[in-house]
PDBML (XML) file of the C-alpha atoms, coordinates in Angstrom:
<?xml version="1.0" encoding="UTF-8" ?>
<PDBx:datablock datablockName="MODEL"
   xmlns:PDBx="http://pdbml.pdb.org/schema/pdbx-v50.xsd"
   xmlns:xsi="http://www.w3.org/2001/XMLSchema-instance"
   xsi:schemaLocation="http://pdbml.pdb.org/schema/pdbx-v50.xsd pdbx-v50.xsd">
   <PDBx:atom_siteCategory>
      <PDBx:atom_site id="1">
         <PDBx:B_iso_or_equiv>0.00</PDBx:B_iso_or_equiv>
         <PDBx:Cartn_x>85.092</PDBx:Cartn_x>
         <PDBx:Cartn_y>64.765</PDBx:Cartn_y>
         <PDBx:Cartn_z>124.587</PDBx:Cartn_z>
         <PDBx:auth_asym_id>A</PDBx:auth_asym_id>
         <PDBx:auth_atom_id>CA</PDBx:auth_atom_id>
         <PDBx:auth_comp_id>SER</PDBx:auth_comp_id>
         <PDBx:auth_seq_id>1</PDBx:auth_seq_id>
         <PDBx:group_PDB>ATOM</PDBx:group_PDB>
         <PDBx:label_alt_id xsi:nil="true" />
         <PDBx:label_asym_id>A</PDBx:label_asym_id>
         <PDBx:label_atom_id>CA</PDBx:label_atom_id>
         <PDBx:label_comp_id>SER</PDBx:label_comp_id>
         <PDBx:label_entity_id>1</PDBx:label_entity_id>
         <PDBx:label_seq_id>1</PDBx:label_seq_id>
         <PDBx:occupancy>1.00</PDBx:occupancy>
         <PDBx:pdbx_PDB_model_num>1</PDBx:pdbx_PDB_model_num>
         <PDBx:type_symbol>C</PDBx:type_symbol>
      </PDBx:atom_site>
      <PDBx:atom_site id="2">
         <PDBx:B_iso_or_equiv>0.00</PDBx:B_iso_or_equiv>
         <PDBx:Cartn_x>88.126</PDBx:Cartn_x>
         <PDBx:Cartn_y>66.657</PDBx:Cartn_y>
         <PDBx:Cartn_z>123.272</PDBx:Cartn_z>
         <PDBx:auth_asym_id>A</PDBx:auth_asym_id>
         <PDBx:auth_atom_id>CA</PDBx:auth_atom_id>
         <PDBx:auth_comp_id>PHE</PDBx:auth_comp_id>
         <PDBx:auth_seq_id>2</PDBx:auth_seq_id>
         <PDBx:group_PDB>ATOM</PDBx:group_PDB>
         <PDBx:label_alt_id xsi:nil="true" />
         <PDBx:label_asym_id>A</PDBx:label_asym_id>
         <PDBx:label_atom_id>CA</PDBx:label_atom_id>
         <PDBx:label_comp_id>PHE</PDBx:label_comp_id>
         <PDBx:label_entity_id>1</PDBx:label_entity_id>
         <PDBx:label_seq_id>2</PDBx:label_seq_id>
         <PDBx:occupancy>1.00</PDBx:occupancy>
         <PDBx:pdbx_PDB_model_num>1</PDBx:pdbx_PDB_model_num>
         <PDBx:type_symbol>C</PDBx:type_symbol>
      </PDBx:atom_site>
      <PDBx:atom_site id="3">
         <PDBx:B_iso_or_equiv>0.00</PDBx:B_iso_or_equiv>
         <PDBx:Cartn_x>89.099</PDBx:Cartn_x>
         <PDBx:Cartn_y>65.628</PDBx:Cartn_y>
         <PDBx:Cartn_z>119.738</PDBx:Cartn_z>
         <PDBx:auth_asym_id>A</PDBx:auth_asym_id>
         <PDBx:auth_atom_id>CA</PDBx:auth_atom_id>
         <PDBx:auth_comp_id>VAL</PDBx:auth_comp_id>
         <PDBx:auth_seq_id>3</PDBx:auth_seq_id>
         <PDBx:group_PDB>ATOM</PDBx:group_PDB>
         <PDBx:label_alt_id xsi:nil="true" />
         <PDBx:label_asym_id>A</PDBx:label_asym_id>
         <PDBx:label_atom_id>CA</PDBx:label_atom_id>
         <PDBx:label_comp_id>VAL</PDBx:label_comp_id>
         <PDBx:label_entity_id>1</PDBx:label_entity_id>
         <PDBx:label_seq_id>3</PDBx:label_seq_id>
         <PDBx:occupancy>1.00</PDBx:occupancy>
         <PDBx:pdbx_PDB_model_num>1</PDBx:pdbx_PDB_model_num>
         <PDBx:type_symbol>C</PDBx:type_symbol>
      </PDBx:atom_site>
      <PDBx:atom_site id="4">
         <PDBx:B_iso_or_equiv>0.00</PDBx:B_iso_or_equiv>
         <PDBx:Cartn_x>92.565</PDBx:Cartn_x>
         <PDBx:Cartn_y>66.913</PDBx:Cartn_y>
         <PDBx:Cartn_z>118.806</PDBx:Cartn_z>
         <PDBx:auth_asym_id>A</PDBx:auth_asym_id>
         <PDBx:auth_atom_id>CA</PDBx:auth_atom_id>
         <PDBx:auth_comp_id>TRP</PDBx:auth_comp_id>
         <PDBx:auth_seq_id>4</PDBx:auth_seq_id>
         <PDBx:group_PDB>ATOM</PDBx:group_PDB>
         <PDBx:label_alt_id xsi:nil="true" />
         <PDBx:label_asym_id>A</PDBx:label_asym_id>
         <PDBx:label_atom_id>CA</PDBx:label_atom_id>
         <PDBx:label_comp_id>TRP</PDBx:label_comp_id>
         <PDBx:label_entity_id>1</PDBx:label_entity_id>
         <PDBx:label_seq_id>4</PDBx:label_seq_id>
         <PDBx:occupancy>1.00</PDBx:occupancy>
         <PDBx:pdbx_PDB_model_num>1</PDBx:pdbx_PDB_model_num>
         <PDBx:type_symbol>C</PDBx:type_symbol>
      </PDBx:atom_site>
      <PDBx:atom_site id="5">
         <PDBx:B_iso_or_equiv>0.00</PDBx:B_iso_or_equiv>
         <PDBx:Cartn_x>92.623</PDBx:Cartn_x>
         <PDBx:Cartn_y>67.716</PDBx:Cartn_y>
         <PDBx:Cartn_z>115.133</PDBx:Cartn_z>
         <PDBx:auth_asym_id>A</PDBx:auth_asym_id>
         <PDBx:auth_atom_id>CA</PDBx:auth_atom_id>
         <PDBx:auth_comp_id>HIS</PDBx:auth_comp_id>
         <PDBx:auth_seq_id>5</PDBx:auth_seq_id>
         <PDBx:group_PDB>ATOM</PDBx:group_PDB>
         <PDBx:label_alt_id xsi:nil="true" />
         <PDBx:label_asym_id>A</PDBx:label_asym_id>
         <PDBx:label_atom_id>CA</PDBx:label_atom_id>
         <PDBx:label_comp_id>HIS</PDBx:label_comp_id>
         <PDBx:label_entity_id>1</PDBx:label_entity_id>
         <PDBx:label_seq_id>5</PDBx:label_seq_id>
         <PDBx:occupancy>1.00</PDBx:occupancy>
         <PDBx:pdbx_PDB_model_num>1</PDBx:pdbx_PDB_model_num>
         <PDBx:type_symbol>C</PDBx:type_symbol>
      </PDBx:atom_site>
      <PDBx:atom_site id="6">
         <PDBx:B_iso_or_equiv>0.00</PDBx:B_iso_or_equiv>
         <PDBx:Cartn_x>94.688</PDBx:Cartn_x>
         <PDBx:Cartn_y>69.541</PDBx:Cartn_y>
         <PDBx:Cartn_z>112.527</PDBx:Cartn_z>
         <PDBx:auth_asym_id>A</PDBx:auth_asym_id>
         <PDBx:auth_atom_id>CA</PDBx:auth_atom_id>
         <PDBx:auth_comp_id>GLY</PDBx:auth_comp_id>
         <PDBx:auth_seq_id>6</PDBx:auth_seq_id>
         <PDBx:group_PDB>ATOM</PDBx:group_PDB>
         <PDBx:label_alt_id xsi:nil="true" />
         <PDBx:label_asym_id>A</PDBx:label_asym_id>
         <PDBx:label_atom_id>CA</PDBx:label_atom_id>
         <PDBx:label_comp_id>GLY</PDBx:label_comp_id>
         <PDBx:label_entity_id>1</PDBx:label_entity_id>
         <PDBx:label_seq_id>6</PDBx:label_seq_id>
         <PDBx:occupancy>1.00</PDBx:occupancy>
         <PDBx:pdbx_PDB_model_num>1</PDBx:pdbx_PDB_model_num>
         <PDBx:type_symbol>C</PDBx:type_symbol>
      </PDBx:atom_site>
      <PDBx:atom_site id="7">
         <PDBx:B_iso_or_equiv>0.00</PDBx:B_iso_or_equiv>
         <PDBx:Cartn_x>96.491</PDBx:Cartn_x>
         <PDBx:Cartn_y>69.708</PDBx:Cartn_y>
         <PDBx:Cartn_z>110.191</PDBx:Cartn_z>
         <PDBx:auth_asym_id>A</PDBx:auth_asym_id>
         <PDBx:auth_atom_id>CA</PDBx:auth_atom_id>
         <PDBx:auth_comp_id>GLY</PDBx:auth_comp_id>
         <PDBx:auth_seq_id>7</PDBx:auth_seq_id>
         <PDBx:group_PDB>ATOM</PDBx:group_PDB>
         <PDBx:label_alt_id xsi:nil="true" />
         <PDBx:label_asym_id>A</PDBx:label_asym_id>
         <PDBx:label_atom_id>CA</PDBx:label_atom_id>
         <PDBx:label_comp_id>GLY</PDBx:label_comp_id>
         <PDBx:label_entity_id>1</PDBx:label_entity_id>
         <PDBx:label_seq_id>7</PDBx:label_seq_id>
         <PDBx:occupancy>1.00</PDBx:occupancy>
         <PDBx:pdbx_PDB_model_num>1</PDBx:pdbx_PDB_model_num>
         <PDBx:type_symbol>C</PDBx:type_symbol>
      </PDBx:atom_site>
      <PDBx:atom_site id="8">
         <PDBx:B_iso_or_equiv>0.00</PDBx:B_iso_or_equiv>
         <PDBx:Cartn_x>98.395</PDBx:Cartn_x>
         <PDBx:Cartn_y>66.863</PDBx:Cartn_y>
         <PDBx:Cartn_z>111.760</PDBx:Cartn_z>
         <PDBx:auth_asym_id>A</PDBx:auth_asym_id>
         <PDBx:auth_atom_id>CA</PDBx:auth_atom_id>
         <PDBx:auth_comp_id>GLU</PDBx:auth_comp_id>
         <PDBx:auth_seq_id>8</PDBx:auth_seq_id>
         <PDBx:group_PDB>ATOM</PDBx:group_PDB>
         <PDBx:label_alt_id xsi:nil="true" />
         <PDBx:label_asym_id>A</PDBx:label_asym_id>
         <PDBx:label_atom_id>CA</PDBx:label_atom_id>
         <PDBx:label_comp_id>GLU</PDBx:label_comp_id>
         <PDBx:label_entity_id>1</PDBx:label_entity_id>
         <PDBx:label_seq_id>8</PDBx:label_seq_id>
         <PDBx:occupancy>1.00</PDBx:occupancy>
         <PDBx:pdbx_PDB_model_num>1</PDBx:pdbx_PDB_model_num>
         <PDBx:type_symbol>C</PDBx:type_symbol>
      </PDBx:atom_site>
      <PDBx:atom_site id="9">
         <PDBx:B_iso_or_equiv>0.00</PDBx:B_iso_or_equiv>
         <PDBx:Cartn_x>98.051</PDBx:Cartn_x>
         <PDBx:Cartn_y>67.135</PDBx:Cartn_y>
         <PDBx:Cartn_z>115.551</PDBx:Cartn_z>
         <PDBx:auth_asym_id>A</PDBx:auth_asym_id>
         <PDBx:auth_atom_id>CA</PDBx:auth_atom_id>
         <PDBx:auth_comp_id>PRO</PDBx:auth_comp_id>
         <PDBx:auth_seq_id>9</PDBx:auth_seq_id>
         <PDBx:group_PDB>ATOM</PDBx:group_PDB>
         <PDBx:label_alt_id xsi:nil="true" />
         <PDBx:label_asym_id>A</PDBx:label_asym_id>
         <PDBx:label_atom_id>CA</PDBx:label_atom_id>
         <PDBx:label_comp_id>PRO</PDBx:label_comp_id>
         <PDBx:label_entity_id>1</PDBx:label_entity_id>
         <PDBx:label_seq_id>9</PDBx:label_seq_id>
         <PDBx:occupancy>1.00</PDBx:occupancy>
         <PDBx:pdbx_PDB_model_num>1</PDBx:pdbx_PDB_model_num>
         <PDBx:type_symbol>C</PDBx:type_symbol>
      </PDBx:atom_site>
      <PDBx:atom_site id="10">
         <PDBx:B_iso_or_equiv>0.00</PDBx:B_iso_or_equiv>
         <PDBx:Cartn_x>100.808</PDBx:Cartn_x>
         <PDBx:Cartn_y>64.625</PDBx:Cartn_y>
         <PDBx:Cartn_z>116.314</PDBx:Cartn_z>
         <PDBx:auth_asym_id>A</PDBx:auth_asym_id>
         <PDBx:auth_atom_id>CA</PDBx:auth_atom_id>
         <PDBx:auth_comp_id>LEU</PDBx:auth_comp_id>
         <PDBx:auth_seq_id>10</PDBx:auth_seq_id>
         <PDBx:group_PDB>ATOM</PDBx:group_PDB>
         <PDBx:label_alt_id xsi:nil="true" />
         <PDBx:label_asym_id>A</PDBx:label_asym_id>
         <PDBx:label_atom_id>CA</PDBx:label_atom_id>
         <PDBx:label_comp_id>LEU</PDBx:label_comp_id>
         <PDBx:label_entity_id>1</PDBx:label_entity_id>
         <PDBx:label_seq_id>10</PDBx:label_seq_id>
         <PDBx:occupancy>1.00</PDBx:occupancy>
         <PDBx:pdbx_PDB_model_num>1</PDBx:pdbx_PDB_model_num>
         <PDBx:type_symbol>C</PDBx:type_symbol>
      </PDBx:atom_site>
      <PDBx:atom_site id="11">
         <PDBx:B_iso_or_equiv>0.00</PDBx:B_iso_or_equiv>
         <PDBx:Cartn_x>103.378</PDBx:Cartn_x>
         <PDBx:Cartn_y>67.053</PDBx:Cartn_y>
         <PDBx:Cartn_z>114.910</PDBx:Cartn_z>
         <PDBx:auth_asym_id>A</PDBx:auth_asym_id>
         <PDBx:auth_atom_id>CA</PDBx:auth_atom_id>
         <PDBx:auth_comp_id>LEU</PDBx:auth_comp_id>
         <PDBx:auth_seq_id>11</PDBx:auth_seq_id>
         <PDBx:group_PDB>ATOM</PDBx:group_PDB>
         <PDBx:label_alt_id xsi:nil="true" />
         <PDBx:label_asym_id>A</PDBx:label_asym_id>
         <PDBx:label_atom_id>CA</PDBx:label_atom_id>
         <PDBx:label_comp_id>LEU</PDBx:label_comp_id>
         <PDBx:label_entity_id>1</PDBx:label_entity_id>
         <PDBx:label_seq_id>11</PDBx:label_seq_id>
         <PDBx:occupancy>1.00</PDBx:occupancy>
         <PDBx:pdbx_PDB_model_num>1</PDBx:pdbx_PDB_model_num>
         <PDBx:type_symbol>C</PDBx:type_symbol>
      </PDBx:atom_site>
      <PDBx:atom_site id="12">
         <PDBx:B_iso_or_equiv>0.00</PDBx:B_iso_or_equiv>
         <PDBx:Cartn_x>103.008</PDBx:Cartn_x>
         <PDBx:Cartn_y>68.836</PDBx:Cartn_y>
         <PDBx:Cartn_z>118.256</PDBx:Cartn_z>
         <PDBx:auth_asym_id>A</PDBx:auth_asym_id>
         <PDBx:auth_atom_id>CA</PDBx:auth_atom_id>
         <PDBx:auth_comp_id>LEU</PDBx:auth_comp_id>
         <PDBx:auth_seq_id>12</PDBx:auth_seq_id>
         <PDBx:group_PDB>ATOM</PDBx:group_PDB>
         <PDBx:label_alt_id xsi:nil="true" />
         <PDBx:label_asym_id>A</PDBx:label_asym_id>
         <PDBx:label_atom_id>CA</PDBx:label_atom_id>
         <PDBx:label_comp_id>LEU</PDBx:label_comp_id>
         <PDBx:label_entity_id>1</PDBx:label_entity_id>
         <PDBx:label_seq_id>12</PDBx:label_seq_id>
         <PDBx:occupancy>1.00</PDBx:occupancy>
         <PDBx:pdbx_PDB_model_num>1</PDBx:pdbx_PDB_model_num>
         <PDBx:type_symbol>C</PDBx:type_symbol>
      </PDBx:atom_site>
      <PDBx:atom_site id="13">
         <PDBx:B_iso_or_equiv>0.00</PDBx:B_iso_or_equiv>
         <PDBx:Cartn_x>105.610</PDBx:Cartn_x>
         <PDBx:Cartn_y>67.882</PDBx:Cartn_y>
         <PDBx:Cartn_z>120.835</PDBx:Cartn_z>
         <PDBx:auth_asym_id>A</PDBx:auth_asym_id>
         <PDBx:auth_atom_id>CA</PDBx:auth_atom_id>
         <PDBx:auth_comp_id>SER</PDBx:auth_comp_id>
         <PDBx:auth_seq_id>13</PDBx:auth_seq_id>
         <PDBx:group_PDB>ATOM</PDBx:group_PDB>
         <PDBx:label_alt_id xsi:nil="true" />
         <PDBx:label_asym_id>A</PDBx:label_asym_id>
         <PDBx:label_atom_id>CA</PDBx:label_atom_id>
         <PDBx:label_comp_id>SER</PDBx:label_comp_id>
         <PDBx:label_entity_id>1</PDBx:label_entity_id>
         <PDBx:label_seq_id>13</PDBx:label_seq_id>
         <PDBx:occupancy>1.00</PDBx:occupancy>
         <PDBx:pdbx_PDB_model_num>1</PDBx:pdbx_PDB_model_num>
         <PDBx:type_symbol>C</PDBx:type_symbol>
      </PDBx:atom_site>
      <PDBx:atom_site id="14">
         <PDBx:B_iso_or_equiv>0.00</PDBx:B_iso_or_equiv>
         <PDBx:Cartn_x>104.954</PDBx:Cartn_x>
         <PDBx:Cartn_y>65.492</PDBx:Cartn_y>
         <PDBx:Cartn_z>123.737</PDBx:Cartn_z>
         <PDBx:auth_asym_id>A</PDBx:auth_asym_id>
         <PDBx:auth_atom_id>CA</PDBx:auth_atom_id>
         <PDBx:auth_comp_id>PRO</PDBx:auth_comp_id>
         <PDBx:auth_seq_id>14</PDBx:auth_seq_id>
         <PDBx:group_PDB>ATOM</PDBx:group_PDB>
         <PDBx:label_alt_id xsi:nil="true" />
         <PDBx:label_asym_id>A</PDBx:label_asym_id>
         <PDBx:label_atom_id>CA</PDBx:label_atom_id>
         <PDBx:label_comp_id>PRO</PDBx:label_comp_id>
         <PDBx:label_entity_id>1</PDBx:label_entity_id>
         <PDBx:label_seq_id>14</PDBx:label_seq_id>
         <PDBx:occupancy>1.00</PDBx:occupancy>
         <PDBx:pdbx_PDB_model_num>1</PDBx:pdbx_PDB_model_num>
         <PDBx:type_symbol>C</PDBx:type_symbol>
      </PDBx:atom_site>
      <PDBx:atom_site id="15">
         <PDBx:B_iso_or_equiv>0.00</PDBx:B_iso_or_equiv>
         <PDBx:Cartn_x>105.538</PDBx:Cartn_x>
         <PDBx:Cartn_y>68.499</PDBx:Cartn_y>
         <PDBx:Cartn_z>125.973</PDBx:Cartn_z>
         <PDBx:auth_asym_id>A</PDBx:auth_asym_id>
         <PDBx:auth_atom_id>CA</PDBx:auth_atom_id>
         <PDBx:auth_comp_id>GLY</PDBx:auth_comp_id>
         <PDBx:auth_seq_id>15</PDBx:auth_seq_id>
         <PDBx:group_PDB>ATOM</PDBx:group_PDB>
         <PDBx:label_alt_id xsi:nil="true" />
         <PDBx:label_asym_id>A</PDBx:label_asym_id>
         <PDBx:label_atom_id>CA</PDBx:label_atom_id>
         <PDBx:label_comp_id>GLY</PDBx:label_comp_id>
         <PDBx:label_entity_id>1</PDBx:label_entity_id>
         <PDBx:label_seq_id>15</PDBx:label_seq_id>
         <PDBx:occupancy>1.00</PDBx:occupancy>
         <PDBx:pdbx_PDB_model_num>1</PDBx:pdbx_PDB_model_num>
         <PDBx:type_symbol>C</PDBx:type_symbol>
      </PDBx:atom_site>
      <PDBx:atom_site id="16">
         <PDBx:B_iso_or_equiv>0.00</PDBx:B_iso_or_equiv>
         <PDBx:Cartn_x>102.567</PDBx:Cartn_x>
         <PDBx:Cartn_y>70.291</PDBx:Cartn_y>
         <PDBx:Cartn_z>124.415</PDBx:Cartn_z>
         <PDBx:auth_asym_id>A</PDBx:auth_asym_id>
         <PDBx:auth_atom_id>CA</PDBx:auth_atom_id>
         <PDBx:auth_comp_id>ALA</PDBx:auth_comp_id>
         <PDBx:auth_seq_id>16</PDBx:auth_seq_id>
         <PDBx:group_PDB>ATOM</PDBx:group_PDB>
         <PDBx:label_alt_id xsi:nil="true" />
         <PDBx:label_asym_id>A</PDBx:label_asym_id>
         <PDBx:label_atom_id>CA</PDBx:label_atom_id>
         <PDBx:label_comp_id>ALA</PDBx:label_comp_id>
         <PDBx:label_entity_id>1</PDBx:label_entity_id>
         <PDBx:label_seq_id>16</PDBx:label_seq_id>
         <PDBx:occupancy>1.00</PDBx:occupancy>
         <PDBx:pdbx_PDB_model_num>1</PDBx:pdbx_PDB_model_num>
         <PDBx:type_symbol>C</PDBx:type_symbol>
      </PDBx:atom_site>
      <PDBx:atom_site id="17">
         <PDBx:B_iso_or_equiv>0.00</PDBx:B_iso_or_equiv>
         <PDBx:Cartn_x>100.341</PDBx:Cartn_x>
         <PDBx:Cartn_y>67.332</PDBx:Cartn_y>
         <PDBx:Cartn_z>125.209</PDBx:Cartn_z>
         <PDBx:auth_asym_id>A</PDBx:auth_asym_id>
         <PDBx:auth_atom_id>CA</PDBx:auth_atom_id>
         <PDBx:auth_comp_id>TYR</PDBx:auth_comp_id>
         <PDBx:auth_seq_id>17</PDBx:auth_seq_id>
         <PDBx:group_PDB>ATOM</PDBx:group_PDB>
         <PDBx:label_alt_id xsi:nil="true" />
         <PDBx:label_asym_id>A</PDBx:label_asym_id>
         <PDBx:label_atom_id>CA</PDBx:label_atom_id>
         <PDBx:label_comp_id>TYR</PDBx:label_comp_id>
         <PDBx:label_entity_id>1</PDBx:label_entity_id>
         <PDBx:label_seq_id>17</PDBx:label_seq_id>
         <PDBx:occupancy>1.00</PDBx:occupancy>
         <PDBx:pdbx_PDB_model_num>1</PDBx:pdbx_PDB_model_num>
         <PDBx:type_symbol>C</PDBx:type_symbol>
      </PDBx:atom_site>
      <PDBx:atom_site id="18">
         <PDBx:B_iso_or_equiv>0.00</PDBx:B_iso_or_equiv>
         <PDBx:Cartn_x>101.748</PDBx:Cartn_x>
         <PDBx:Cartn_y>67.070</PDBx:Cartn_y>
         <PDBx:Cartn_z>128.739</PDBx:Cartn_z>
         <PDBx:auth_asym_id>A</PDBx:auth_asym_id>
         <PDBx:auth_atom_id>CA</PDBx:auth_atom_id>
         <PDBx:auth_comp_id>ALA</PDBx:auth_comp_id>
         <PDBx:auth_seq_id>18</PDBx:auth_seq_id>
         <PDBx:group_PDB>ATOM</PDBx:group_PDB>
         <PDBx:label_alt_id xsi:nil="true" />
         <PDBx:label_asym_id>A</PDBx:label_asym_id>
         <PDBx:label_atom_id>CA</PDBx:label_atom_id>
         <PDBx:label_comp_id>ALA</PDBx:label_comp_id>
         <PDBx:label_entity_id>1</PDBx:label_entity_id>
         <PDBx:label_seq_id>18</PDBx:label_seq_id>
         <PDBx:occupancy>1.00</PDBx:occupancy>
         <PDBx:pdbx_PDB_model_num>1</PDBx:pdbx_PDB_model_num>
         <PDBx:type_symbol>C</PDBx:type_symbol>
      </PDBx:atom_site>
      <PDBx:atom_site id="19">
         <PDBx:B_iso_or_equiv>0.00</PDBx:B_iso_or_equiv>
         <PDBx:Cartn_x>100.746</PDBx:Cartn_x>
         <PDBx:Cartn_y>70.703</PDBx:Cartn_y>
         <PDBx:Cartn_z>129.280</PDBx:Cartn_z>
         <PDBx:auth_asym_id>A</PDBx:auth_asym_id>
         <PDBx:auth_atom_id>CA</PDBx:auth_atom_id>
         <PDBx:auth_comp_id>ALA</PDBx:auth_comp_id>
         <PDBx:auth_seq_id>19</PDBx:auth_seq_id>
         <PDBx:group_PDB>ATOM</PDBx:group_PDB>
         <PDBx:label_alt_id xsi:nil="true" />
         <PDBx:label_asym_id>A</PDBx:label_asym_id>
         <PDBx:label_atom_id>CA</PDBx:label_atom_id>
         <PDBx:label_comp_id>ALA</PDBx:label_comp_id>
         <PDBx:label_entity_id>1</PDBx:label_entity_id>
         <PDBx:label_seq_id>19</PDBx:label_seq_id>
         <PDBx:occupancy>1.00</PDBx:occupancy>
         <PDBx:pdbx_PDB_model_num>1</PDBx:pdbx_PDB_model_num>
         <PDBx:type_symbol>C</PDBx:type_symbol>
      </PDBx:atom_site>
      <PDBx:atom_site id="20">
         <PDBx:B_iso_or_equiv>0.00</PDBx:B_iso_or_equiv>
         <PDBx:Cartn_x>97.234</PDBx:Cartn_x>
         <PDBx:Cartn_y>69.926</PDBx:Cartn_y>
         <PDBx:Cartn_z>128.007</PDBx:Cartn_z>
         <PDBx:auth_asym_id>A</PDBx:auth_asym_id>
         <PDBx:auth_atom_id>CA</PDBx:auth_atom_id>
         <PDBx:auth_comp_id>ILE</PDBx:auth_comp_id>
         <PDBx:auth_seq_id>20</PDBx:auth_seq_id>
         <PDBx:group_PDB>ATOM</PDBx:group_PDB>
         <PDBx:label_alt_id xsi:nil="true" />
         <PDBx:label_asym_id>A</PDBx:label_asym_id>
         <PDBx:label_atom_id>CA</PDBx:label_atom_id>
         <PDBx:label_comp_id>ILE</PDBx:label_comp_id>
         <PDBx:label_entity_id>1</PDBx:label_entity_id>
         <PDBx:label_seq_id>20</PDBx:label_seq_id>
         <PDBx:occupancy>1.00</PDBx:occupancy>
         <PDBx:pdbx_PDB_model_num>1</PDBx:pdbx_PDB_model_num>
         <PDBx:type_symbol>C</PDBx:type_symbol>
      </PDBx:atom_site>
      <PDBx:atom_site id="21">
         <PDBx:B_iso_or_equiv>0.00</PDBx:B_iso_or_equiv>
         <PDBx:Cartn_x>96.875</PDBx:Cartn_x>
         <PDBx:Cartn_y>67.070</PDBx:Cartn_y>
         <PDBx:Cartn_z>130.493</PDBx:Cartn_z>
         <PDBx:auth_asym_id>A</PDBx:auth_asym_id>
         <PDBx:auth_atom_id>CA</PDBx:auth_atom_id>
         <PDBx:auth_comp_id>VAL</PDBx:auth_comp_id>
         <PDBx:auth_seq_id>21</PDBx:auth_seq_id>
         <PDBx:group_PDB>ATOM</PDBx:group_PDB>
         <PDBx:label_alt_id xsi:nil="true" />
         <PDBx:label_asym_id>A</PDBx:label_asym_id>
         <PDBx:label_atom_id>CA</PDBx:label_atom_id>
         <PDBx:label_comp_id>VAL</PDBx:label_comp_id>
         <PDBx:label_entity_id>1</PDBx:label_entity_id>
         <PDBx:label_seq_id>21</PDBx:label_seq_id>
         <PDBx:occupancy>1.00</PDBx:occupancy>
         <PDBx:pdbx_PDB_model_num>1</PDBx:pdbx_PDB_model_num>
         <PDBx:type_symbol>C</PDBx:type_symbol>
      </PDBx:atom_site>
      <PDBx:atom_site id="22">
         <PDBx:B_iso_or_equiv>0.00</PDBx:B_iso_or_equiv>
         <PDBx:Cartn_x>98.055</PDBx:Cartn_x>
         <PDBx:Cartn_y>69.315</PDBx:Cartn_y>
         <PDBx:Cartn_z>133.335</PDBx:Cartn_z>
         <PDBx:auth_asym_id>A</PDBx:auth_asym_id>
         <PDBx:auth_atom_id>CA</PDBx:auth_atom_id>
         <PDBx:auth_comp_id>THR</PDBx:auth_comp_id>
         <PDBx:auth_seq_id>22</PDBx:auth_seq_id>
         <PDBx:group_PDB>ATOM</PDBx:group_PDB>
         <PDBx:label_alt_id xsi:nil="true" />
         <PDBx:label_asym_id>A</PDBx:label_asym_id>
         <PDBx:label_atom_id>CA</PDBx:label_atom_id>
         <PDBx:label_comp_id>THR</PDBx:label_comp_id>
         <PDBx:label_entity_id>1</PDBx:label_entity_id>
         <PDBx:label_seq_id>22</PDBx:label_seq_id>
         <PDBx:occupancy>1.00</PDBx:occupancy>
         <PDBx:pdbx_PDB_model_num>1</PDBx:pdbx_PDB_model_num>
         <PDBx:type_symbol>C</PDBx:type_symbol>
      </PDBx:atom_site>
      <PDBx:atom_site id="23">
         <PDBx:B_iso_or_equiv>0.00</PDBx:B_iso_or_equiv>
         <PDBx:Cartn_x>95.551</PDBx:Cartn_x>
         <PDBx:Cartn_y>72.022</PDBx:Cartn_y>
         <PDBx:Cartn_z>132.430</PDBx:Cartn_z>
         <PDBx:auth_asym_id>A</PDBx:auth_asym_id>
         <PDBx:auth_atom_id>CA</PDBx:auth_atom_id>
         <PDBx:auth_comp_id>GLN</PDBx:auth_comp_id>
         <PDBx:auth_seq_id>23</PDBx:auth_seq_id>
         <PDBx:group_PDB>ATOM</PDBx:group_PDB>
         <PDBx:label_alt_id xsi:nil="true" />
         <PDBx:label_asym_id>A</PDBx:label_asym_id>
         <PDBx:label_atom_id>CA</PDBx:label_atom_id>
         <PDBx:label_comp_id>GLN</PDBx:label_comp_id>
         <PDBx:label_entity_id>1</PDBx:label_entity_id>
         <PDBx:label_seq_id>23</PDBx:label_seq_id>
         <PDBx:occupancy>1.00</PDBx:occupancy>
         <PDBx:pdbx_PDB_model_num>1</PDBx:pdbx_PDB_model_num>
         <PDBx:type_symbol>C</PDBx:type_symbol>
      </PDBx:atom_site>
      <PDBx:atom_site id="24">
         <PDBx:B_iso_or_equiv>0.00</PDBx:B_iso_or_equiv>
         <PDBx:Cartn_x>92.656</PDBx:Cartn_x>
         <PDBx:Cartn_y>69.594</PDBx:Cartn_y>
         <PDBx:Cartn_z>132.143</PDBx:Cartn_z>
         <PDBx:auth_asym_id>A</PDBx:auth_asym_id>
         <PDBx:auth_atom_id>CA</PDBx:auth_atom_id>
         <PDBx:auth_comp_id>GLN</PDBx:auth_comp_id>
         <PDBx:auth_seq_id>24</PDBx:auth_seq_id>
         <PDBx:group_PDB>ATOM</PDBx:group_PDB>
         <PDBx:label_alt_id xsi:nil="true" />
         <PDBx:label_asym_id>A</PDBx:label_asym_id>
         <PDBx:label_atom_id>CA</PDBx:label_atom_id>
         <PDBx:label_comp_id>GLN</PDBx:label_comp_id>
         <PDBx:label_entity_id>1</PDBx:label_entity_id>
         <PDBx:label_seq_id>24</PDBx:label_seq_id>
         <PDBx:occupancy>1.00</PDBx:occupancy>
         <PDBx:pdbx_PDB_model_num>1</PDBx:pdbx_PDB_model_num>
         <PDBx:type_symbol>C</PDBx:type_symbol>
      </PDBx:atom_site>
      <PDBx:atom_site id="25">
         <PDBx:B_iso_or_equiv>0.00</PDBx:B_iso_or_equiv>
         <PDBx:Cartn_x>93.413</PDBx:Cartn_x>
         <PDBx:Cartn_y>68.000</PDBx:Cartn_y>
         <PDBx:Cartn_z>135.495</PDBx:Cartn_z>
         <PDBx:auth_asym_id>A</PDBx:auth_asym_id>
         <PDBx:auth_atom_id>CA</PDBx:auth_atom_id>
         <PDBx:auth_comp_id>GLN</PDBx:auth_comp_id>
         <PDBx:auth_seq_id>25</PDBx:auth_seq_id>
         <PDBx:group_PDB>ATOM</PDBx:group_PDB>
         <PDBx:label_alt_id xsi:nil="true" />
         <PDBx:label_asym_id>A</PDBx:label_asym_id>
         <PDBx:label_atom_id>CA</PDBx:label_atom_id>
         <PDBx:label_comp_id>GLN</PDBx:label_comp_id>
         <PDBx:label_entity_id>1</PDBx:label_entity_id>
         <PDBx:label_seq_id>25</PDBx:label_seq_id>
         <PDBx:occupancy>1.00</PDBx:occupancy>
         <PDBx:pdbx_PDB_model_num>1</PDBx:pdbx_PDB_model_num>
         <PDBx:type_symbol>C</PDBx:type_symbol>
      </PDBx:atom_site>
   </PDBx:atom_siteCategory>
</PDBx:datablock>
């Protein structure tokens, strides 16, 4: 389980999260 935390993690861009998904897959 990967829990994305901060700070406020949703201040990251959608592109940053898209890159995370690509790396995980």
